Amino acid sequence: MNRLNLTIGLFLILMNVSCSRSKLTEISLNCGCVVTEHFIASTDDIENSTKKYTFKNSQLFDLGVSKDGFANSFSLQISNLIDESEKFDLIEIDIVKEENGEIQSKKAFTYELEELKKELPKYLELESFVSEFIKHIYNKDYSSCLEYIDFEDENEFKSIIDKVYDGLNKDYRETRIVDYKANGDSYSIFGVIKSQSDQLDLFTMELKGVDDGFVIISFDF
């Protein structure tokens, strides 16, 4: 079981704040790192106004989370927090590794806000689907779990779910996606199960879109 023990404390630093402090604090808790926000206005030299979010020293990358999938997921999470009154065109996700006050590496991903808003409903639907599956695991509701995945041997499936349950924190709070990749009707995610004490259990999952939602192809806890 991949697990992170996170003590966030006063990690949140805000510049030109638009999202509320509580909302960006939640983003910080989801990624396990410092998150800063900065607005770059349009000028004669810069055509599009940009909201830049910098994620510094996330531990998730040490556990296999990809930078592009991470940026995909958090750009969508951020777009869901943006007020309609805010006027800008682009979201930039900067992933930074810093040591002793010096930047060791940096990678930037830029997204059009309009395109993120189009993708957001599917992302939220998938996150809700995965979250319900995790809740059924916590409830040991085997029959409901089987509705989410095609698995022929019910007894073997029960054994798998029991092993997953035994490895999880028991003070469940919520499930969030921290690595998201979509290719047509195929989806690959890296999720975190958050406890009340903000401890994170991590898992991977492959899904496929179907007429009435999604079906789980595989998962690994």
C-alpha atoms as a PDB file:
ATOM      1  CA  MET A   1       0.000   0.000   0.000  1.00  0.00           C
ATOM      2  CA  ASN A   2       1.476   3.364  -1.052  1.00  0.00           C
ATOM      3  CA  ARG A   3       0.966   5.869   1.730  1.00  0.00           C
ATOM      4  CA  LEU A   4       1.951   9.438   2.542  1.00  0.00           C
ATOM      5  CA  ASN A   5       1.884  10.978   5.998  1.00  0.00           C
ATOM      6  CA  LEU A   6       1.406  14.692   5.400  1.00  0.00           C
ATOM      7  CA  THR A   7       1.615  17.551   7.814  1.00  0.00           C
ATOM      8  CA  ILE A   8       0.501  20.522   5.766  1.00  0.00           C
ATOM      9  CA  GLY A   9       0.483  23.304   8.365  1.00  0.00           C
ATOM     10  CA  LEU A  10       0.760  26.782   6.887  1.00  0.00           C
ATOM     11  CA  PHE A  11       1.775  25.628   3.414  1.00  0.00           C
ATOM     12  CA  LEU A  12      -0.439  27.984   1.492  1.00  0.00           C
ATOM     13  CA  ILE A  13       1.061  31.164   0.038  1.00  0.00           C
ATOM     14  CA  LEU A  14      -1.193  33.468  -1.956  1.00  0.00           C
ATOM     15  CA  MET A  15      -0.436  36.299  -4.347  1.00  0.00           C
ATOM     16  CA  ASN A  16      -3.247  38.276  -6.007  1.00  0.00           C
ATOM     17  CA  VAL A  17      -5.757  35.855  -4.513  1.00  0.00           C
ATOM     18  CA  SER A  18      -8.946  35.026  -6.388  1.00  0.00           C
ATOM     19  CA  CYS A  19      -9.798  31.500  -5.212  1.00  0.00           C
ATOM     20  CA  SER A  20     -10.667  31.497  -1.539  1.00  0.00           C
ATOM     21  CA  ARG A  21      -8.010  30.505   0.978  1.00  0.00           C
ATOM     22  CA  SER A  22      -9.977  27.416   1.999  1.00  0.00           C
ATOM     23  CA  LYS A  23     -10.292  26.219  -1.600  1.00  0.00           C
ATOM     24  CA  LEU A  24      -6.582  26.559  -2.359  1.00  0.00           C
ATOM     25  CA  THR A  25      -5.780  24.958   0.969  1.00  0.00           C
ATOM     26  CA  GLU A  26      -7.775  21.944  -0.205  1.00  0.00           C
ATOM     27  CA  ILE A  27      -5.719  21.839  -3.421  1.00  0.00           C
ATOM     28  CA  SER A  28      -2.577  21.915  -1.278  1.00  0.00           C
ATOM     29  CA  LEU A  29      -3.854  19.027   0.850  1.00  0.00           C
ATOM     30  CA  ASN A  30      -4.721  16.996  -2.248  1.00  0.00           C
ATOM     31  CA  CYS A  31      -1.235  17.300  -3.743  1.00  0.00           C
ATOM     32  CA  GLY A  32       0.758  17.266  -0.506  1.00  0.00           C
ATOM     33  CA  CYS A  33       2.802  20.338  -1.348  1.00  0.00           C
ATOM     34  CA  VAL A  34       3.085  24.109  -1.321  1.00  0.00           C
ATOM     35  CA  VAL A  35       0.742  25.810  -3.819  1.00  0.00           C
ATOM     36  CA  THR A  36       1.108  29.437  -4.906  1.00  0.00           C
ATOM     37  CA  GLU A  37      -1.092  31.471  -7.237  1.00  0.00           C
ATOM     38  CA  HIS A  38      -0.032  34.370  -9.470  1.00  0.00           C
ATOM     39  CA  PHE A  39      -1.922  36.357 -12.097  1.00  0.00           C
ATOM     40  CA  ILE A  40      -0.224  37.499 -15.313  1.00  0.00           C
ATOM     41  CA  ALA A  41      -2.274  40.176 -17.054  1.00  0.00           C
ATOM     42  CA  SER A  42      -2.419  40.754 -20.808  1.00  0.00           C
ATOM     43  CA  THR A  43      -0.021  43.391 -22.120  1.00  0.00           C
ATOM     44  CA  ASP A  44       1.245  44.570 -25.513  1.00  0.00           C
ATOM     45  CA  ASP A  45       3.730  41.681 -25.352  1.00  0.00           C
ATOM     46  CA  ILE A  46       1.484  39.065 -23.698  1.00  0.00           C
ATOM     47  CA  GLU A  47      -1.711  38.343 -25.623  1.00  0.00           C
ATOM     48  CA  ASN A  48      -3.530  36.109 -23.154  1.00  0.00           C
ATOM     49  CA  SER A  49      -4.045  36.719 -19.440  1.00  0.00           C
ATOM     50  CA  THR A  50      -2.833  33.741 -17.417  1.00  0.00           C
ATOM     51  CA  LYS A  51      -3.391  32.411 -13.920  1.00  0.00           C
ATOM     52  CA  LYS A  52      -0.236  30.576 -12.845  1.00  0.00           C
ATOM     53  CA  TYR A  53      -0.252  27.930 -10.116  1.00  0.00           C
ATOM     54  CA  THR A  54       3.068  26.671  -8.796  1.00  0.00           C
ATOM     55  CA  PHE A  55       3.243  23.268  -7.062  1.00  0.00           C
ATOM     56  CA  LYS A  56       6.463  22.923  -5.090  1.00  0.00           C
ATOM     57  CA  ASN A  57       8.069  19.685  -3.842  1.00  0.00           C
ATOM     58  CA  SER A  58       5.102  17.323  -4.077  1.00  0.00           C
ATOM     59  CA  GLN A  59       5.923  13.887  -2.653  1.00  0.00           C
ATOM     60  CA  LEU A  60       3.457  12.245  -5.042  1.00  0.00           C
ATOM     61  CA  PHE A  61       6.057  12.047  -7.829  1.00  0.00           C
ATOM     62  CA  ASP A  62       8.199   9.777  -5.647  1.00  0.00           C
ATOM     63  CA  LEU A  63       5.338   7.265  -5.717  1.00  0.00           C
ATOM     64  CA  GLY A  64       4.844   7.097  -9.471  1.00  0.00           C
ATOM     65  CA  VAL A  65       2.497   9.995 -10.241  1.00  0.00           C
ATOM     66  CA  SER A  66       3.347  11.472 -13.654  1.00  0.00           C
ATOM     67  CA  LYS A  67       3.861  15.205 -14.072  1.00  0.00           C
ATOM     68  CA  ASP A  68       1.604  15.523 -17.117  1.00  0.00           C
ATOM     69  CA  GLY A  69      -1.205  13.531 -15.483  1.00  0.00           C
ATOM     70  CA  PHE A  70      -0.771  15.574 -12.294  1.00  0.00           C
ATOM     71  CA  ALA A  71      -1.032  18.824 -14.249  1.00  0.00           C
ATOM     72  CA  ASN A  72      -4.107  17.546 -16.123  1.00  0.00           C
ATOM     73  CA  SER A  73      -5.888  16.677 -12.886  1.00  0.00           C
ATOM     74  CA  PHE A  74      -5.082  19.806 -10.913  1.00  0.00           C
ATOM     75  CA  SER A  75      -5.815  22.159 -13.816  1.00  0.00           C
ATOM     76  CA  LEU A  76      -9.303  20.627 -13.893  1.00  0.00           C
ATOM     77  CA  GLN A  77      -9.680  20.853 -10.112  1.00  0.00           C
ATOM     78  CA  ILE A  78      -8.651  24.500 -10.217  1.00  0.00           C
ATOM     79  CA  SER A  79     -11.009  25.279 -13.107  1.00  0.00           C
ATOM     80  CA  ASN A  80     -13.824  23.949 -10.943  1.00  0.00           C
ATOM     81  CA  LEU A  81     -12.983  26.538  -8.256  1.00  0.00           C
ATOM     82  CA  ILE A  82     -12.823  29.569 -10.523  1.00  0.00           C
ATOM     83  CA  ASP A  83     -15.607  32.100 -10.188  1.00  0.00           C
ATOM     84  CA  GLU A  84     -17.435  33.061 -13.389  1.00  0.00           C
ATOM     85  CA  SER A  85     -16.598  36.707 -12.731  1.00  0.00           C
ATOM     86  CA  GLU A  86     -12.868  36.050 -13.119  1.00  0.00           C
ATOM     87  CA  LYS A  87     -11.533  37.023 -16.527  1.00  0.00           C
ATOM     88  CA  PHE A  88      -8.491  35.199 -17.864  1.00  0.00           C
ATOM     89  CA  ASP A  89      -7.737  32.825 -20.723  1.00  0.00           C
ATOM     90  CA  LEU A  90      -5.082  30.358 -19.608  1.00  0.00           C
ATOM     91  CA  ILE A  91      -4.113  28.272 -16.598  1.00  0.00           C
ATOM     92  CA  GLU A  92      -0.439  27.448 -16.199  1.00  0.00           C
ATOM     93  CA  ILE A  93       0.652  24.618 -13.920  1.00  0.00           C
ATOM     94  CA  ASP A  94       4.301  24.868 -12.848  1.00  0.00           C
ATOM     95  CA  ILE A  95       5.774  21.811 -11.127  1.00  0.00           C
ATOM     96  CA  VAL A  96       8.881  22.767  -9.184  1.00  0.00           C
ATOM     97  CA  LYS A  97      11.444  20.814  -7.206  1.00  0.00           C
ATOM     98  CA  GLU A  98      13.337  23.049  -4.806  1.00  0.00           C
ATOM     99  CA  GLU A  99      16.180  22.264  -2.431  1.00  0.00           C
ATOM    100  CA  ASN A 100      17.840  24.651   0.015  1.00  0.00           C
ATOM    101  CA  GLY A 101      15.985  27.541  -1.563  1.00  0.00           C
ATOM    102  CA  GLU A 102      17.261  26.753  -5.081  1.00  0.00           C
ATOM    103  CA  ILE A 103      15.151  25.404  -7.956  1.00  0.00           C
ATOM    104  CA  GLN A 104      16.467  22.007  -9.056  1.00  0.00           C
ATOM    105  CA  SER A 105      13.886  21.409 -11.787  1.00  0.00           C
ATOM    106  CA  LYS A 106      10.768  23.010 -13.220  1.00  0.00           C
ATOM    107  CA  LYS A 107       8.187  21.890 -15.771  1.00  0.00           C
ATOM    108  CA  ALA A 108       5.283  23.989 -17.003  1.00  0.00           C
ATOM    109  CA  PHE A 109       1.952  22.944 -18.573  1.00  0.00           C
ATOM    110  CA  THR A 110      -0.496  25.443 -20.085  1.00  0.00           C
ATOM    111  CA  TYR A 111      -4.239  24.902 -20.571  1.00  0.00           C
ATOM    112  CA  GLU A 112      -6.985  26.949 -22.178  1.00  0.00           C
ATOM    113  CA  LEU A 113      -9.650  27.642 -19.571  1.00  0.00           C
ATOM    114  CA  GLU A 114     -12.419  27.218 -22.144  1.00  0.00           C
ATOM    115  CA  GLU A 115     -11.199  23.692 -22.988  1.00  0.00           C
ATOM    116  CA  LEU A 116     -10.896  22.762 -19.316  1.00  0.00           C
ATOM    117  CA  LYS A 117     -14.504  23.785 -18.739  1.00  0.00           C
ATOM    118  CA  LYS A 118     -15.563  21.441 -21.552  1.00  0.00           C
ATOM    119  CA  GLU A 119     -13.622  18.520 -20.029  1.00  0.00           C
ATOM    120  CA  LEU A 120     -14.627  19.242 -16.421  1.00  0.00           C
ATOM    121  CA  PRO A 121     -18.064  17.493 -16.369  1.00  0.00           C
ATOM    122  CA  LYS A 122     -16.553  14.180 -17.533  1.00  0.00           C
ATOM    123  CA  TYR A 123     -13.707  14.499 -14.994  1.00  0.00           C
ATOM    124  CA  LEU A 124     -16.118  15.165 -12.126  1.00  0.00           C
ATOM    125  CA  GLU A 125     -18.364  12.294 -13.245  1.00  0.00           C
ATOM    126  CA  LEU A 126     -15.403   9.914 -13.285  1.00  0.00           C
ATOM    127  CA  GLU A 127     -14.154  11.116  -9.898  1.00  0.00           C
ATOM    128  CA  SER A 128     -17.629  10.585  -8.419  1.00  0.00           C
ATOM    129  CA  PHE A 129     -17.793   7.086  -9.947  1.00  0.00           C
ATOM    130  CA  VAL A 130     -14.422   6.124  -8.444  1.00  0.00           C
ATOM    131  CA  SER A 131     -15.350   7.656  -5.092  1.00  0.00           C
ATOM    132  CA  GLU A 132     -18.534   5.553  -4.887  1.00  0.00           C
ATOM    133  CA  PHE A 133     -16.537   2.412  -5.655  1.00  0.00           C
ATOM    134  CA  ILE A 134     -14.107   3.220  -2.818  1.00  0.00           C
ATOM    135  CA  LYS A 135     -17.022   3.803  -0.421  1.00  0.00           C
ATOM    136  CA  HIS A 136     -18.392   0.358  -1.286  1.00  0.00           C
ATOM    137  CA  ILE A 137     -14.980  -1.132  -0.454  1.00  0.00           C
ATOM    138  CA  TYR A 138     -15.085   0.541   2.961  1.00  0.00           C
ATOM    139  CA  ASN A 139     -18.581  -0.851   3.494  1.00  0.00           C
ATOM    140  CA  LYS A 140     -17.502  -4.283   2.229  1.00  0.00           C
ATOM    141  CA  ASP A 141     -20.477  -4.139  -0.108  1.00  0.00           C
ATOM    142  CA  TYR A 142     -19.239  -6.794  -2.540  1.00  0.00           C
ATOM    143  CA  SER A 143     -22.324  -6.899  -4.754  1.00  0.00           C
ATOM    144  CA  SER A 144     -22.215  -3.124  -5.303  1.00  0.00           C
ATOM    145  CA  CYS A 145     -18.463  -3.269  -6.023  1.00  0.00           C
ATOM    146  CA  LEU A 146     -19.126  -5.883  -8.706  1.00  0.00           C
ATOM    147  CA  GLU A 147     -21.424  -3.452 -10.503  1.00  0.00           C
ATOM    148  CA  TYR A 148     -18.365  -1.277 -11.208  1.00  0.00           C
ATOM    149  CA  ILE A 149     -16.054  -3.940 -12.622  1.00  0.00           C
ATOM    150  CA  ASP A 150     -16.344  -7.046 -14.802  1.00  0.00           C
ATOM    151  CA  PHE A 151     -15.069  -9.901 -12.607  1.00  0.00           C
ATOM    152  CA  GLU A 152     -16.280 -13.483 -13.037  1.00  0.00           C
ATOM    153  CA  ASP A 153     -15.151 -15.216  -9.819  1.00  0.00           C
ATOM    154  CA  GLU A 154     -17.145 -13.601  -6.996  1.00  0.00           C
ATOM    155  CA  ASN A 155     -15.319 -15.430  -4.194  1.00  0.00           C
ATOM    156  CA  GLU A 156     -11.928 -14.399  -5.518  1.00  0.00           C
ATOM    157  CA  PHE A 157     -13.199 -10.840  -5.886  1.00  0.00           C
ATOM    158  CA  LYS A 158     -14.340 -10.800  -2.248  1.00  0.00           C
ATOM    159  CA  SER A 159     -10.865 -11.932  -1.197  1.00  0.00           C
ATOM    160  CA  ILE A 160      -9.287  -9.111  -3.218  1.00  0.00           C
ATOM    161  CA  ILE A 161     -11.614  -6.493  -1.710  1.00  0.00           C
ATOM    162  CA  ASP A 162     -10.911  -7.793   1.809  1.00  0.00           C
ATOM    163  CA  LYS A 163      -7.161  -7.429   1.231  1.00  0.00           C
ATOM    164  CA  VAL A 164      -7.617  -3.886  -0.093  1.00  0.00           C
ATOM    165  CA  TYR A 165      -9.819  -2.973   2.882  1.00  0.00           C
ATOM    166  CA  ASP A 166      -7.319  -4.364   5.401  1.00  0.00           C
ATOM    167  CA  GLY A 167      -4.584  -2.126   3.977  1.00  0.00           C
ATOM    168  CA  LEU A 168      -6.573   1.117   4.080  1.00  0.00           C
ATOM    169  CA  ASN A 169      -6.873   3.761   6.777  1.00  0.00           C
ATOM    170  CA  LYS A 170     -10.245   3.335   8.471  1.00  0.00           C
ATOM    171  CA  ASP A 171     -11.069   7.027   9.138  1.00  0.00           C
ATOM    172  CA  TYR A 172     -12.144   7.633   5.530  1.00  0.00           C
ATOM    173  CA  ARG A 173     -12.893  11.184   4.370  1.00  0.00           C
ATOM    174  CA  GLU A 174     -12.859  11.334   0.564  1.00  0.00           C
ATOM    175  CA  THR A 175     -11.300  10.150  -2.700  1.00  0.00           C
ATOM    176  CA  ARG A 176      -9.599  12.509  -5.155  1.00  0.00           C
ATOM    177  CA  ILE A 177      -7.819  12.092  -8.497  1.00  0.00           C
ATOM    178  CA  VAL A 178      -4.222  13.370  -8.641  1.00  0.00           C
ATOM    179  CA  ASP A 179      -3.133  11.972 -12.027  1.00  0.00           C
ATOM    180  CA  TYR A 180      -5.604  11.973 -14.932  1.00  0.00           C
ATOM    181  CA  LYS A 181      -5.128  10.898 -18.532  1.00  0.00           C
ATOM    182  CA  ALA A 182      -7.900  10.480 -21.098  1.00  0.00           C
ATOM    183  CA  ASN A 183      -7.573   8.883 -24.521  1.00  0.00           C
ATOM    184  CA  GLY A 184     -10.953   8.697 -26.199  1.00  0.00           C
ATOM    185  CA  ASP A 185     -13.095   6.455 -23.991  1.00  0.00           C
ATOM    186  CA  SER A 186     -10.086   5.115 -22.068  1.00  0.00           C
ATOM    187  CA  TYR A 187      -9.005   6.658 -18.769  1.00  0.00           C
ATOM    188  CA  SER A 188      -5.953   6.149 -16.601  1.00  0.00           C
ATOM    189  CA  ILE A 189      -5.875   7.652 -13.117  1.00  0.00           C
ATOM    190  CA  PHE A 190      -3.809   7.789  -9.965  1.00  0.00           C
ATOM    191  CA  GLY A 191      -6.075   8.427  -6.977  1.00  0.00           C
ATOM    192  CA  VAL A 192      -5.669   9.257  -3.316  1.00  0.00           C
ATOM    193  CA  ILE A 193      -7.911   8.121  -0.483  1.00  0.00           C
ATOM    194  CA  LYS A 194      -7.827  10.791   2.211  1.00  0.00           C
ATOM    195  CA  SER A 195      -8.336  10.085   5.895  1.00  0.00           C
ATOM    196  CA  GLN A 196      -9.703  12.511   8.468  1.00  0.00           C
ATOM    197  CA  SER A 197      -6.104  13.138   9.560  1.00  0.00           C
ATOM    198  CA  ASP A 198      -5.076  13.896   5.928  1.00  0.00           C
ATOM    199  CA  GLN A 199      -3.095  10.697   5.510  1.00  0.00           C
ATOM    200  CA  LEU A 200      -3.182   9.573   1.887  1.00  0.00           C
ATOM    201  CA  ASP A 201      -3.514   6.028   0.512  1.00  0.00           C
ATOM    202  CA  LEU A 202      -2.686   5.899  -3.192  1.00  0.00           C
ATOM    203  CA  PHE A 203      -4.007   3.644  -5.966  1.00  0.00           C
ATOM    204  CA  THR A 204      -4.004   3.343  -9.744  1.00  0.00           C
ATOM    205  CA  MET A 205      -6.984   2.495 -11.926  1.00  0.00           C
ATOM    206  CA  GLU A 206      -7.797   1.953 -15.594  1.00  0.00           C
ATOM    207  CA  LEU A 207     -11.356   2.655 -16.749  1.00  0.00           C
ATOM    208  CA  LYS A 208     -13.384   2.649 -19.937  1.00  0.00           C
ATOM    209  CA  GLY A 209     -16.310   4.851 -20.834  1.00  0.00           C
ATOM    210  CA  VAL A 210     -19.573   3.003 -21.604  1.00  0.00           C
ATOM    211  CA  ASP A 211     -23.073   4.149 -22.536  1.00  0.00           C
ATOM    212  CA  ASP A 212     -24.250   4.539 -18.949  1.00  0.00           C
ATOM    213  CA  GLY A 213     -20.990   5.825 -17.422  1.00  0.00           C
ATOM    214  CA  PHE A 214     -17.769   3.882 -16.784  1.00  0.00           C
ATOM    215  CA  VAL A 215     -16.482   0.419 -16.053  1.00  0.00           C
ATOM    216  CA  ILE A 216     -13.277  -0.395 -14.157  1.00  0.00           C
ATOM    217  CA  ILE A 217     -10.802  -2.441 -16.190  1.00  0.00           C
ATOM    218  CA  SER A 218      -8.141  -2.839 -13.498  1.00  0.00           C
ATOM    219  CA  PHE A 219      -6.969  -1.352 -10.203  1.00  0.00           C
ATOM    220  CA  ASP A 220      -3.945  -1.612  -7.937  1.00  0.00           C
ATOM    221  CA  PHE A 221      -3.844  -0.506  -4.285  1.00  0.00           C
END
